Structure formats: C-alpha cells, structure tokens
Amino acid sequence: MARRSAGLLMHRITDNKVEVLLVHPGGPFWEKKDMGAWTIPKGEYQEDQDALTAARREFEEETGCRADGVFRHLGTVKQKGGKIVTAWAFEGDLDPLFIKSNTFPLEWPPGSGRKTHFPEIDRARWFTLDRARAKIIESQRVFLDNLTAMLDDHL
C-alpha cells in the first residue's frame, strides 16, 4: 500500500503578483539542498482518515499556524518514491520568520547511537510562481500549475 500524504499550498496576492508559501525540509539530508527541494507543508495520514483534515493538521504542525479559509482541491500526484500527495490551496498570509515546526528524532551522526531532534521544516519562504517552480520538488509543480489555472478563472 502506497504511503499517503496531504498538504496545503497557501497563497497571497501582492502588487498583482501571486506568491506561494513553500517550506524547506529539515534534517541533515536536506541541509545543503535548495533547488528542487522545497515543498508544500504536508504530512502522512492513514487511509481511514480525511485527507483535508490531515492537511490542515500537518500545516499547523509544520508552521505553527492554523489554516483557515476556503480550501480548493489542487489534485493528487505520485512522487518518485511512490508516496501519493493530495493538496489544497487556500489564501492566507503569515510571516515565515515566526514559523514553529514540530521535530523528529534521528540517529545522528549515523552509527553514533545518539538521537538528535531536527525540525520537520527548517524554514519557510514566499515565492513568486516562477521562482516557486524552480524551488519546489518536481512532482509538486502540477500544484502550482493548477493554482495558476484556478486564479486565472477568478482574477
């Protein structure tokens, strides 16, 4: 059974430009990766759980901010590792300097026997859609395309 993940893509419109909030995964594997490493705030959920509820929970756990508003479905993608990700867009605003992510334990350095806690995300940032396309992991670019199509219908 494929792992399932659900997430939210927060967007805002400033100076007639659409910006999206992306997050950078925490931990030593992602530390020096930038282009193609950013993601929407997301997390795994069980098949018997509601995906949108999980997406809202994960957004809050990873950013420290509650997600409220109108949620518009952006679709579902299968990532390279096989994980299935479903996403929704919503309009909002937050200051990335004040995000507060939950943490996960990891033996670090490998083989040391020591558990170190790392934030699930180590930073968040607003990007224009063009810049976001370069920063986001490739499989999630479709979410940006779908958001663009939705907003074109409403702007």
C-alpha atoms as a PDB file:
ATOM      1  CA  MET A   1       0.000   0.000   0.000  1.00  0.00           C
ATOM      2  CA  ALA A   2       1.416   3.377  -1.027  1.00  0.00           C
ATOM      3  CA  ARG A   3       2.006   5.957   1.673  1.00  0.00           C
ATOM      4  CA  ARG A   4      -0.393   8.889   1.511  1.00  0.00           C
ATOM      5  CA  SER A   5       0.343  12.490   2.336  1.00  0.00           C
ATOM      6  CA  ALA A   6      -1.853  15.594   2.344  1.00  0.00           C
ATOM      7  CA  GLY A   7      -0.829  19.219   2.258  1.00  0.00           C
ATOM      8  CA  LEU A   8      -1.820  22.832   1.792  1.00  0.00           C
ATOM      9  CA  LEU A   9      -0.496  25.471  -0.554  1.00  0.00           C
ATOM     10  CA  MET A  10      -1.009  28.901   0.996  1.00  0.00           C
ATOM     11  CA  HIS A  11      -1.066  31.758  -1.493  1.00  0.00           C
ATOM     12  CA  ARG A  12      -1.426  35.511  -1.410  1.00  0.00           C
ATOM     13  CA  ILE A  13      -1.688  38.271  -3.982  1.00  0.00           C
ATOM     14  CA  THR A  14       0.548  41.302  -3.520  1.00  0.00           C
ATOM     15  CA  ASP A  15       1.128  44.038  -6.097  1.00  0.00           C
ATOM     16  CA  ASN A  16      -0.856  41.965  -8.626  1.00  0.00           C
ATOM     17  CA  LYS A  17       1.600  39.061  -8.200  1.00  0.00           C
ATOM     18  CA  VAL A  18       0.703  35.638  -6.852  1.00  0.00           C
ATOM     19  CA  GLU A  19       3.062  34.335  -4.183  1.00  0.00           C
ATOM     20  CA  VAL A  20       3.044  30.893  -2.580  1.00  0.00           C
ATOM     21  CA  LEU A  21       4.432  29.711   0.727  1.00  0.00           C
ATOM     22  CA  LEU A  22       6.853  26.813   0.438  1.00  0.00           C
ATOM     23  CA  VAL A  23       8.788  25.075   3.195  1.00  0.00           C
ATOM     24  CA  HIS A  24      12.240  23.521   3.247  1.00  0.00           C
ATOM     25  CA  PRO A  25      12.574  20.080   4.866  1.00  0.00           C
ATOM     26  CA  GLY A  26      14.694  19.938   7.997  1.00  0.00           C
ATOM     27  CA  GLY A  27      17.365  17.435   8.902  1.00  0.00           C
ATOM     28  CA  PRO A  28      20.845  16.683   7.659  1.00  0.00           C
ATOM     29  CA  PHE A  29      19.823  15.112   4.322  1.00  0.00           C
ATOM     30  CA  TRP A  30      18.193  18.347   3.100  1.00  0.00           C
ATOM     31  CA  GLU A  31      20.585  20.806   4.750  1.00  0.00           C
ATOM     32  CA  LYS A  32      22.543  21.771   1.622  1.00  0.00           C
ATOM     33  CA  LYS A  33      19.785  21.160  -0.956  1.00  0.00           C
ATOM     34  CA  ASP A  34      17.852  24.103  -2.366  1.00  0.00           C
ATOM     35  CA  MET A  35      16.667  23.977  -5.987  1.00  0.00           C
ATOM     36  CA  GLY A  36      14.015  21.289  -6.344  1.00  0.00           C
ATOM     37  CA  ALA A  37      13.992  20.611  -2.596  1.00  0.00           C
ATOM     38  CA  TRP A  38      11.191  22.858  -1.299  1.00  0.00           C
ATOM     39  CA  THR A  39       7.683  21.515  -0.775  1.00  0.00           C
ATOM     40  CA  ILE A  40       4.196  22.392   0.365  1.00  0.00           C
ATOM     41  CA  PRO A  41       3.599  21.814   4.091  1.00  0.00           C
ATOM     42  CA  LYS A  42       2.314  18.233   4.157  1.00  0.00           C
ATOM     43  CA  GLY A  43       2.332  15.010   6.104  1.00  0.00           C
ATOM     44  CA  GLU A  44       1.243  11.410   6.092  1.00  0.00           C
ATOM     45  CA  TYR A  45      -2.197  10.181   7.051  1.00  0.00           C
ATOM     46  CA  GLN A  46      -3.958   6.835   7.283  1.00  0.00           C
ATOM     47  CA  GLU A  47      -6.367   5.654   4.601  1.00  0.00           C
ATOM     48  CA  ASP A  48      -9.296   5.829   7.024  1.00  0.00           C
ATOM     49  CA  GLN A  49      -8.587   9.496   7.840  1.00  0.00           C
ATOM     50  CA  ASP A  50      -9.934  12.538   5.996  1.00  0.00           C
ATOM     51  CA  ALA A  51      -7.194  13.954   3.767  1.00  0.00           C
ATOM     52  CA  LEU A  52      -8.169  17.626   4.147  1.00  0.00           C
ATOM     53  CA  THR A  53      -8.295  17.297   7.936  1.00  0.00           C
ATOM     54  CA  ALA A  54      -4.827  15.745   7.819  1.00  0.00           C
ATOM     55  CA  ALA A  55      -3.544  18.519   5.543  1.00  0.00           C
ATOM     56  CA  ARG A  56      -4.775  21.192   7.955  1.00  0.00           C
ATOM     57  CA  ARG A  57      -3.237  19.347  10.926  1.00  0.00           C
ATOM     58  CA  GLU A  58       0.105  18.971   9.153  1.00  0.00           C
ATOM     59  CA  PHE A  59       0.163  22.636   8.103  1.00  0.00           C
ATOM     60  CA  GLU A  60      -0.270  23.665  11.719  1.00  0.00           C
ATOM     61  CA  GLU A  61       2.336  21.168  12.987  1.00  0.00           C
ATOM     62  CA  GLU A  62       4.910  22.299  10.435  1.00  0.00           C
ATOM     63  CA  THR A  63       4.354  26.058  10.584  1.00  0.00           C
ATOM     64  CA  GLY A  64       2.769  26.678  13.972  1.00  0.00           C
ATOM     65  CA  CYS A  65      -0.095  28.485  12.208  1.00  0.00           C
ATOM     66  CA  ARG A  66      -3.707  27.397  11.893  1.00  0.00           C
ATOM     67  CA  ALA A  67      -5.033  27.064   8.350  1.00  0.00           C
ATOM     68  CA  ASP A  68      -8.463  28.616   7.895  1.00  0.00           C
ATOM     69  CA  GLY A  69     -10.412  29.730   4.871  1.00  0.00           C
ATOM     70  CA  VAL A  70     -11.775  28.250   1.685  1.00  0.00           C
ATOM     71  CA  PHE A  71      -9.826  25.183   0.586  1.00  0.00           C
ATOM     72  CA  ARG A  72      -9.716  24.423  -3.142  1.00  0.00           C
ATOM     73  CA  HIS A  73      -8.580  20.992  -4.289  1.00  0.00           C
ATOM     74  CA  LEU A  74      -5.392  21.074  -6.397  1.00  0.00           C
ATOM     75  CA  GLY A  75      -5.216  17.402  -7.269  1.00  0.00           C
ATOM     76  CA  THR A  76      -3.112  14.382  -6.423  1.00  0.00           C
ATOM     77  CA  VAL A  77       0.390  13.402  -7.564  1.00  0.00           C
ATOM     78  CA  LYS A  78       2.626  10.391  -7.153  1.00  0.00           C
ATOM     79  CA  GLN A  79       6.156  11.315  -6.097  1.00  0.00           C
ATOM     80  CA  LYS A  80       9.296   9.461  -7.241  1.00  0.00           C
ATOM     81  CA  GLY A  81       9.430   7.430  -4.036  1.00  0.00           C
ATOM     82  CA  GLY A  82       5.852   6.256  -4.563  1.00  0.00           C
ATOM     83  CA  LYS A  83       4.165   8.498  -1.998  1.00  0.00           C
ATOM     84  CA  ILE A  84       0.774   9.834  -3.108  1.00  0.00           C
ATOM     85  CA  VAL A  85       0.293  13.526  -2.253  1.00  0.00           C
ATOM     86  CA  THR A  86      -3.049  15.333  -2.324  1.00  0.00           C
ATOM     87  CA  ALA A  87      -3.129  19.116  -1.966  1.00  0.00           C
ATOM     88  CA  TRP A  88      -5.493  22.047  -1.486  1.00  0.00           C
ATOM     89  CA  ALA A  89      -4.918  25.758  -1.961  1.00  0.00           C
ATOM     90  CA  PHE A  90      -6.084  28.495   0.353  1.00  0.00           C
ATOM     91  CA  GLU A  91      -5.484  32.206   0.597  1.00  0.00           C
ATOM     92  CA  GLY A  92      -3.637  33.465   3.642  1.00  0.00           C
ATOM     93  CA  ASP A  93      -0.626  35.283   4.958  1.00  0.00           C
ATOM     94  CA  LEU A  94       1.964  34.591   7.602  1.00  0.00           C
ATOM     95  CA  ASP A  95       5.442  35.794   8.438  1.00  0.00           C
ATOM     96  CA  PRO A  96       7.886  32.959   7.678  1.00  0.00           C
ATOM     97  CA  LEU A  97      10.263  34.261  10.345  1.00  0.00           C
ATOM     98  CA  PHE A  98       7.815  33.136  13.019  1.00  0.00           C
ATOM     99  CA  ILE A  99       7.144  29.563  11.926  1.00  0.00           C
ATOM    100  CA  LYS A 100       7.475  26.948  14.624  1.00  0.00           C
ATOM    101  CA  SER A 101       7.832  23.397  13.355  1.00  0.00           C
ATOM    102  CA  ASN A 102       7.492  20.159  15.241  1.00  0.00           C
ATOM    103  CA  THR A 103      10.562  17.889  15.345  1.00  0.00           C
ATOM    104  CA  PHE A 104      11.516  14.310  14.538  1.00  0.00           C
ATOM    105  CA  PRO A 105      14.212  12.092  16.106  1.00  0.00           C
ATOM    106  CA  LEU A 106      17.078  10.733  14.013  1.00  0.00           C
ATOM    107  CA  GLU A 107      20.246   8.866  14.894  1.00  0.00           C
ATOM    108  CA  TRP A 108      22.891  11.434  14.016  1.00  0.00           C
ATOM    109  CA  PRO A 109      25.606  11.028  13.073  1.00  0.00           C
ATOM    110  CA  PRO A 110      24.745   7.610  11.616  1.00  0.00           C
ATOM    111  CA  GLY A 111      26.036   4.742  13.747  1.00  0.00           C
ATOM    112  CA  SER A 112      26.668   7.002  16.741  1.00  0.00           C
ATOM    113  CA  GLY A 113      23.772   5.681  18.810  1.00  0.00           C
ATOM    114  CA  ARG A 114      22.791   9.289  19.605  1.00  0.00           C
ATOM    115  CA  LYS A 115      19.300  10.525  18.809  1.00  0.00           C
ATOM    116  CA  THR A 116      19.102  14.124  17.676  1.00  0.00           C
ATOM    117  CA  HIS A 117      15.869  16.025  17.111  1.00  0.00           C
ATOM    118  CA  PHE A 118      15.504  18.022  13.895  1.00  0.00           C
ATOM    119  CA  PRO A 119      12.660  20.322  12.822  1.00  0.00           C
ATOM    120  CA  GLU A 120      10.397  18.844  10.143  1.00  0.00           C
ATOM    121  CA  ILE A 121      10.894  22.087   8.261  1.00  0.00           C
ATOM    122  CA  ASP A 122      13.818  24.386   8.890  1.00  0.00           C
ATOM    123  CA  ARG A 123      12.468  27.429   7.062  1.00  0.00           C
ATOM    124  CA  ALA A 124       9.562  28.789   5.047  1.00  0.00           C
ATOM    125  CA  ARG A 125       9.526  31.457   2.394  1.00  0.00           C
ATOM    126  CA  TRP A 126       7.200  33.260  -0.002  1.00  0.00           C
ATOM    127  CA  PHE A 127       7.997  32.783  -3.691  1.00  0.00           C
ATOM    128  CA  THR A 128       6.517  34.132  -6.907  1.00  0.00           C
ATOM    129  CA  LEU A 129       5.050  31.338  -9.023  1.00  0.00           C
ATOM    130  CA  ASP A 130       8.010  31.402 -11.435  1.00  0.00           C
ATOM    131  CA  ARG A 131      10.554  31.163  -8.630  1.00  0.00           C
ATOM    132  CA  ALA A 132       8.475  28.519  -6.843  1.00  0.00           C
ATOM    133  CA  ARG A 133       8.584  26.313  -9.961  1.00  0.00           C
ATOM    134  CA  ALA A 134      12.383  26.210  -9.677  1.00  0.00           C
ATOM    135  CA  LYS A 135      12.399  25.617  -5.922  1.00  0.00           C
ATOM    136  CA  ILE A 136       9.620  23.037  -5.456  1.00  0.00           C
ATOM    137  CA  ILE A 137      10.208  19.313  -5.910  1.00  0.00           C
ATOM    138  CA  GLU A 138       9.401  18.374  -9.476  1.00  0.00           C
ATOM    139  CA  SER A 139       6.355  16.196  -8.801  1.00  0.00           C
ATOM    140  CA  GLN A 140       4.602  19.036  -6.945  1.00  0.00           C
ATOM    141  CA  ARG A 141       4.895  21.582  -9.788  1.00  0.00           C
ATOM    142  CA  VAL A 142       1.475  20.480 -11.001  1.00  0.00           C
ATOM    143  CA  PHE A 143       0.005  22.040  -7.849  1.00  0.00           C
ATOM    144  CA  LEU A 144       1.422  25.405  -8.931  1.00  0.00           C
ATOM    145  CA  ASP A 145       0.004  24.924 -12.428  1.00  0.00           C
ATOM    146  CA  ASN A 146      -3.427  24.038 -11.038  1.00  0.00           C
ATOM    147  CA  LEU A 147      -3.360  27.037  -8.690  1.00  0.00           C
ATOM    148  CA  THR A 148      -2.475  29.301 -11.627  1.00  0.00           C
ATOM    149  CA  ALA A 149      -5.421  27.948 -13.622  1.00  0.00           C
ATOM    150  CA  MET A 150      -7.787  28.441 -10.676  1.00  0.00           C
ATOM    151  CA  LEU A 151      -6.657  32.000 -10.065  1.00  0.00           C
ATOM    152  CA  ASP A 152      -6.821  32.894 -13.772  1.00  0.00           C
ATOM    153  CA  ASP A 153     -10.511  31.993 -13.586  1.00  0.00           C
ATOM    154  CA  HIS A 154     -11.058  34.352 -10.632  1.00  0.00           C
ATOM    155  CA  LEU A 155      -8.745  37.312 -11.277  1.00  0.00           C
END
